[in-house]
């Protein structure tokens, strides 16, 4: 690249500016590649084991290596059929319960976290700092520490062994609230809200028509975290529910596993493995469907004109 320099009425060309070529640190890149590969393999081995063993019969599970297919019968479809029909199709009942807990619990938690986070970020009121301290403190408290006090409180209210004993605690997500609080402060410009108010838009219309599209990446993030937490919730349903008809998949599959261990013959162990594979498929589908909204939303505003 050259630059023109004007001096004493004459124009002359400056010496070309040399650009230093970008050199990649090949040693560092190789190290990161190796570490990433190790983490990826470590994360995928359980999924591969689950997929391979879901294709085996009960006899094949006992006679073949865990990370290789059985030389005999390919029993994936038969295992799926048995899993869905075993014990009068109770697996489908557990699946429906889990979907109910996720839709109402995780969906409600995302909605409440979005409303509260937006309000705390964009409105000033007395006690705002105190609310911030409470939210930070709640993030530091693990959910399992609150399970027993929650059970004692719900037992006095008479709502244990009901879906509400699982749904109501799932509606509270301190981390999601904190995430939406910080994200709302950066993603929604105050000038845009002021312009909408000057044009006569009410607060609810401003929130749903202007703020929600800008908050989409944060909403999807909180929704994914809440979905995974509710879908994989184990300890809370374990102490709250006694009726198998209200079990989620986590408790139901564990009861099948206990049944196999008690019987001593592992008669339904292949159904436990196949049911576990079916359990993770909805989560994988949710991530694949929502990631494009997540990534596209995170890229909005990253380029300045």
Protein backbone atom coordinates (compact mmCIF):
# COMPACT_ATOMS: atom_id res chain seq x y z
CA UNK A 1 0.00 0.00 0.00
CA UNK A 2 1.32 3.46 -0.83
CA UNK A 3 0.27 6.88 0.49
CA UNK A 4 0.44 10.27 -1.25
CA UNK A 5 2.29 13.01 0.69
CA UNK A 6 1.89 16.68 -0.30
CA UNK A 7 4.85 18.92 0.69
CA UNK A 8 5.94 22.36 -0.67
CA UNK A 9 3.40 22.23 -3.47
CA UNK A 10 4.66 18.94 -4.78
CA UNK A 11 3.07 15.54 -4.39
CA UNK A 12 5.24 12.56 -3.93
CA UNK A 13 4.57 8.98 -3.10
CA UNK A 14 5.50 7.68 0.29
CA UNK A 15 7.27 4.44 0.73
CA UNK A 16 4.96 1.44 0.64
CA UNK A 17 3.69 0.31 4.01
CA UNK A 18 4.75 -3.23 4.68
CA UNK A 19 2.20 -5.51 6.30
CA UNK A 20 3.61 -8.14 8.57
CA UNK A 21 2.20 -11.48 7.53
CA UNK A 22 0.03 -13.19 10.09
CA UNK A 23 1.75 -16.26 11.37
CA UNK A 24 -0.24 -18.85 13.21
CA UNK A 25 1.27 -20.43 16.20
CA UNK A 26 1.20 -23.96 14.89
CA UNK A 27 2.33 -25.44 18.19
CA UNK A 28 -0.45 -23.74 20.12
CA UNK A 29 -2.99 -24.64 17.45
CA UNK A 30 -1.97 -28.30 17.62
CA UNK A 31 -2.28 -28.29 21.41
CA UNK A 32 -5.77 -26.78 21.28
CA UNK A 33 -6.80 -29.29 18.62
CA UNK A 34 -5.60 -32.22 20.72
CA UNK A 35 -7.32 -30.92 23.87
CA UNK A 36 -10.55 -30.26 21.99
CA UNK A 37 -10.44 -33.74 20.49
CA UNK A 38 -9.94 -35.31 23.92
CA UNK A 39 -12.91 -33.40 25.36
CA UNK A 40 -15.07 -34.30 22.35
CA UNK A 41 -14.19 -38.00 22.61
CA UNK A 42 -14.79 -37.96 26.36
CA UNK A 43 -18.22 -36.40 25.81
CA UNK A 44 -19.26 -38.65 22.93
CA UNK A 45 -18.19 -42.03 24.30
CA UNK A 46 -21.27 -42.37 26.59
CA UNK A 47 -23.57 -41.49 23.68
CA UNK A 48 -21.83 -43.97 21.39
CA UNK A 49 -22.06 -46.66 24.09
CA UNK A 50 -25.76 -45.92 24.52
CA UNK A 51 -26.46 -46.05 20.78
CA UNK A 52 -24.51 -49.29 20.24
CA UNK A 53 -26.04 -51.13 23.18
CA UNK A 54 -29.54 -50.06 22.21
CA UNK A 55 -29.18 -52.29 19.16
CA UNK A 56 -28.50 -55.44 21.22
CA UNK A 57 -30.79 -58.04 22.67
CA UNK A 58 -30.69 -58.93 26.34
CA UNK A 59 -28.39 -61.85 25.57
CA UNK A 60 -26.18 -59.67 23.39
CA UNK A 61 -25.65 -57.21 26.23
CA UNK A 62 -24.23 -60.00 28.38
CA UNK A 63 -22.06 -61.64 25.72
CA UNK A 64 -20.61 -58.80 23.59
CA UNK A 65 -18.23 -55.90 24.15
CA UNK A 66 -19.92 -52.68 25.18
CA UNK A 67 -18.41 -50.45 22.48
CA UNK A 68 -19.03 -52.79 19.56
CA UNK A 69 -22.12 -54.12 17.85
CA UNK A 70 -23.38 -57.62 18.49
CA UNK A 71 -22.64 -60.11 15.71
CA UNK A 72 -26.09 -61.54 16.15
CA UNK A 73 -29.45 -59.81 15.87
CA UNK A 74 -29.86 -56.05 15.28
CA UNK A 75 -32.58 -55.41 17.86
CA UNK A 76 -32.94 -51.61 17.93
CA UNK A 77 -36.47 -51.49 16.52
CA UNK A 78 -37.58 -54.42 18.64
CA UNK A 79 -36.14 -52.77 21.76
CA UNK A 80 -37.96 -49.54 20.93
CA UNK A 81 -41.21 -51.43 20.48
CA UNK A 82 -40.79 -53.25 23.78
CA UNK A 83 -39.85 -50.03 25.58
CA UNK A 84 -42.98 -48.25 24.35
CA UNK A 85 -45.31 -51.17 25.14
CA UNK A 86 -43.79 -52.57 28.35
CA UNK A 87 -46.07 -52.46 31.41
CA UNK A 88 -49.03 -51.16 29.39
CA UNK A 89 -47.02 -48.37 27.77
CA UNK A 90 -46.00 -46.65 31.00
CA UNK A 91 -42.94 -45.18 29.24
CA UNK A 92 -45.25 -43.01 27.11
CA UNK A 93 -46.99 -41.89 30.29
CA UNK A 94 -43.64 -40.87 31.79
CA UNK A 95 -42.73 -39.11 28.57
CA UNK A 96 -45.98 -37.15 28.65
CA UNK A 97 -45.35 -36.18 32.27
CA UNK A 98 -41.85 -34.95 31.42
CA UNK A 99 -43.17 -32.89 28.51
CA UNK A 100 -45.79 -31.39 30.84
CA UNK A 101 -43.17 -30.43 33.40
CA UNK A 102 -40.93 -28.92 30.71
CA UNK A 103 -43.65 -26.97 28.90
CA UNK A 104 -45.27 -25.54 32.03
CA UNK A 105 -42.22 -25.41 34.31
CA UNK A 106 -39.39 -24.46 31.96
CA UNK A 107 -41.64 -22.34 29.74
CA UNK A 108 -43.06 -20.51 32.73
CA UNK A 109 -39.60 -20.05 34.22
CA UNK A 110 -38.35 -18.49 30.98
CA UNK A 111 -41.34 -16.16 30.78
CA UNK A 112 -41.01 -15.03 34.39
CA UNK A 113 -37.24 -14.61 34.12
CA UNK A 114 -37.67 -12.48 30.99
CA UNK A 115 -40.27 -10.23 32.59
CA UNK A 116 -38.37 -9.84 35.85
CA UNK A 117 -34.97 -9.38 34.23
CA UNK A 118 -36.29 -6.76 31.84
CA UNK A 119 -38.06 -4.90 34.63
CA UNK A 120 -35.01 -4.89 36.86
CA UNK A 121 -32.78 -3.70 34.02
CA UNK A 122 -35.00 -0.94 32.63
CA UNK A 123 -36.91 0.42 35.62
CA UNK A 124 -35.50 2.14 38.67
CA UNK A 125 -37.29 1.61 41.98
CA UNK A 126 -36.62 1.51 45.69
CA UNK A 127 -34.94 -1.71 46.82
CA UNK A 128 -33.40 -2.54 43.45
CA UNK A 129 -29.99 -3.18 44.99
CA UNK A 130 -31.54 -5.46 47.58
CA UNK A 131 -33.23 -7.49 44.87
CA UNK A 132 -29.89 -7.80 43.10
CA UNK A 133 -28.27 -9.15 46.29
CA UNK A 134 -31.09 -11.67 46.76
CA UNK A 135 -30.78 -12.90 43.15
CA UNK A 136 -27.01 -13.32 43.43
CA UNK A 137 -27.44 -15.20 46.69
CA UNK A 138 -30.09 -17.46 45.16
CA UNK A 139 -27.77 -18.31 42.25
CA UNK A 140 -25.17 -19.54 44.75
CA UNK A 141 -27.63 -21.88 46.51
CA UNK A 142 -27.92 -25.34 44.85
CA UNK A 143 -31.40 -26.57 44.12
CA UNK A 144 -30.89 -29.81 46.03
CA UNK A 145 -30.35 -27.82 49.24
CA UNK A 146 -33.88 -26.43 48.91
CA UNK A 147 -35.57 -29.70 47.97
CA UNK A 148 -36.20 -30.97 51.51
CA UNK A 149 -37.52 -27.62 52.90
CA UNK A 150 -39.72 -27.36 49.83
CA UNK A 151 -41.06 -30.86 50.45
CA UNK A 152 -41.88 -30.04 54.07
CA UNK A 153 -43.68 -26.86 53.02
CA UNK A 154 -45.61 -28.60 50.21
CA UNK A 155 -46.57 -31.50 52.47
CA UNK A 156 -48.27 -29.06 54.84
CA UNK A 157 -50.02 -27.48 51.87
CA UNK A 158 -51.17 -30.92 50.66
CA UNK A 159 -49.76 -30.70 47.14
CA UNK A 160 -47.08 -33.39 47.34
CA UNK A 161 -47.51 -36.36 44.99
CA UNK A 162 -49.07 -34.01 42.44
CA UNK A 163 -47.64 -32.40 39.28
CA UNK A 164 -47.66 -29.01 41.02
CA UNK A 165 -45.00 -30.17 43.47
CA UNK A 166 -42.61 -30.47 40.51
CA UNK A 167 -43.88 -27.58 38.38
CA UNK A 168 -43.92 -24.81 41.01
CA UNK A 169 -40.22 -25.12 42.02
CA UNK A 170 -39.30 -25.30 38.33
CA UNK A 171 -40.82 -21.86 37.75
CA UNK A 172 -37.98 -20.24 39.69
CA UNK A 173 -34.64 -19.90 37.92
CA UNK A 174 -32.32 -17.41 39.64
CA UNK A 175 -29.58 -17.90 37.04
CA UNK A 176 -32.04 -17.26 34.22
CA UNK A 177 -33.26 -14.12 35.97
CA UNK A 178 -29.71 -12.85 36.41
CA UNK A 179 -28.88 -13.65 32.79
CA UNK A 180 -31.92 -11.79 31.45
CA UNK A 181 -31.20 -8.89 33.79
CA UNK A 182 -27.69 -8.38 32.44
CA UNK A 183 -28.67 -9.14 28.85
CA UNK A 184 -31.61 -6.73 28.85
CA UNK A 185 -29.38 -3.89 29.99
CA UNK A 186 -27.15 -4.35 26.93
CA UNK A 187 -29.53 -5.58 24.23
CA UNK A 188 -32.37 -3.04 24.56
CA UNK A 189 -31.31 0.60 24.03
CA UNK A 190 -32.98 3.10 26.33
CA UNK A 191 -33.32 5.53 23.42
CA UNK A 192 -35.51 3.06 21.54
CA UNK A 193 -37.80 2.66 24.54
CA UNK A 194 -38.07 6.42 24.95
CA UNK A 195 -38.96 6.83 21.27
CA UNK A 196 -41.70 4.20 21.60
CA UNK A 197 -43.13 5.94 24.66
CA UNK A 198 -43.10 9.29 22.89
CA UNK A 199 -45.05 7.70 20.04
CA UNK A 200 -47.70 6.66 22.57
CA UNK A 201 -46.87 2.97 22.99
CA UNK A 202 -47.67 1.49 26.39
CA UNK A 203 -45.19 -0.50 28.44
CA UNK A 204 -46.64 -3.89 27.54
CA UNK A 205 -46.76 -3.07 23.84
CA UNK A 206 -43.21 -1.73 23.99
CA UNK A 207 -42.05 -4.88 25.71
CA UNK A 208 -43.70 -7.39 23.39
CA UNK A 209 -43.26 -5.50 20.09
CA UNK A 210 -39.80 -3.97 20.57
CA UNK A 211 -37.94 -5.56 23.45
CA UNK A 212 -38.81 -9.24 22.99
CA UNK A 213 -37.29 -9.50 19.46
CA UNK A 214 -34.10 -7.91 20.77
CA UNK A 215 -34.07 -10.27 23.75
CA UNK A 216 -34.50 -13.40 21.60
CA UNK A 217 -30.93 -14.73 22.09
CA UNK A 218 -31.19 -14.40 25.86
CA UNK A 219 -34.67 -15.91 25.92
CA UNK A 220 -33.51 -18.93 23.91
CA UNK A 221 -30.50 -19.34 26.20
CA UNK A 222 -32.63 -19.31 29.35
CA UNK A 223 -35.15 -21.64 27.70
CA UNK A 224 -32.48 -24.18 26.81
CA UNK A 225 -30.97 -24.12 30.29
CA UNK A 226 -34.42 -24.45 31.89
CA UNK A 227 -35.43 -27.26 29.54
CA UNK A 228 -32.31 -29.28 30.30
CA UNK A 229 -32.63 -28.70 34.05
CA UNK A 230 -36.31 -29.70 34.12
CA UNK A 231 -35.93 -32.63 31.72
CA UNK A 232 -33.04 -34.09 33.75
CA UNK A 233 -34.53 -33.22 37.13
CA UNK A 234 -34.21 -36.24 39.40
CA UNK A 235 -33.94 -35.42 43.09
CA UNK A 236 -36.98 -33.16 43.35
CA UNK A 237 -39.46 -35.61 41.70
CA UNK A 238 -37.87 -38.43 43.70
CA UNK A 239 -38.89 -36.91 47.04
CA UNK A 240 -42.11 -35.28 45.85
CA UNK A 241 -43.79 -38.08 43.88
CA UNK A 242 -44.91 -41.50 45.07
CA UNK A 243 -47.44 -42.32 42.37
CA UNK A 244 -45.70 -43.93 39.34
CA UNK A 245 -48.34 -42.39 37.07
CA UNK A 246 -46.76 -38.97 37.70
CA UNK A 247 -43.14 -40.03 37.36
CA UNK A 248 -40.94 -38.22 34.84
CA UNK A 249 -38.61 -40.23 32.64
CA UNK A 250 -35.67 -39.93 35.03
CA UNK A 251 -37.52 -41.54 37.95
CA UNK A 252 -39.32 -44.05 35.73
CA UNK A 253 -36.16 -45.39 34.11
CA UNK A 254 -34.48 -45.60 37.50
CA UNK A 255 -37.40 -47.67 38.78
CA UNK A 256 -36.92 -50.06 35.85
CA UNK A 257 -33.22 -50.28 36.67
CA UNK A 258 -34.02 -51.05 40.32
CA UNK A 259 -36.50 -53.67 39.13
CA UNK A 260 -33.82 -55.38 37.06
CA UNK A 261 -31.33 -55.32 39.94
CA UNK A 262 -33.91 -56.69 42.39
CA UNK A 263 -34.90 -59.50 40.04
CA UNK A 264 -31.26 -60.45 39.68
CA UNK A 265 -31.61 -61.30 36.02
CA UNK A 266 -31.44 -57.85 34.43
CA UNK A 267 -34.54 -58.81 32.46
CA UNK A 268 -35.38 -55.23 31.47
CA UNK A 269 -31.87 -53.80 31.29
CA UNK A 270 -32.08 -53.54 27.49
CA UNK A 271 -35.26 -51.49 27.92
CA UNK A 272 -33.48 -49.16 30.36
CA UNK A 273 -30.74 -48.53 27.79
CA UNK A 274 -33.18 -48.03 24.92
CA UNK A 275 -35.38 -45.79 27.07
CA UNK A 276 -32.33 -43.69 27.96
CA UNK A 277 -31.57 -43.27 24.26
CA UNK A 278 -35.14 -42.20 23.55
CA UNK A 279 -34.96 -39.79 26.49
CA UNK A 280 -32.08 -37.74 25.09
CA UNK A 281 -33.48 -37.46 21.56
CA UNK A 282 -35.96 -34.63 22.38
CA UNK A 283 -33.17 -32.58 23.96
CA UNK A 284 -30.97 -33.05 20.91
CA UNK A 285 -33.85 -32.01 18.68
CA UNK A 286 -34.51 -28.91 20.79
CA UNK A 287 -30.88 -27.81 20.57
CA UNK A 288 -30.75 -28.38 16.82
CA UNK A 289 -34.00 -26.46 16.24
CA UNK A 290 -33.19 -23.52 18.51
CA UNK A 291 -29.49 -23.04 17.82
CA UNK A 292 -30.06 -21.13 14.59
CA UNK A 293 -32.20 -18.55 16.42
CA UNK A 294 -29.56 -18.47 19.14
CA UNK A 295 -26.61 -17.93 16.80
CA UNK A 296 -28.37 -15.52 14.45
CA UNK A 297 -29.58 -13.44 17.38
CA UNK A 298 -26.13 -13.27 18.93
CA UNK A 299 -24.73 -11.94 15.64
CA UNK A 300 -27.23 -9.07 15.47
CA UNK A 301 -25.55 -5.77 16.16
CA UNK A 302 -22.05 -7.21 16.09
CA UNK A 303 -21.18 -5.31 12.90
CA UNK A 304 -21.11 -1.54 12.94
CA UNK A 305 -21.83 0.41 9.78
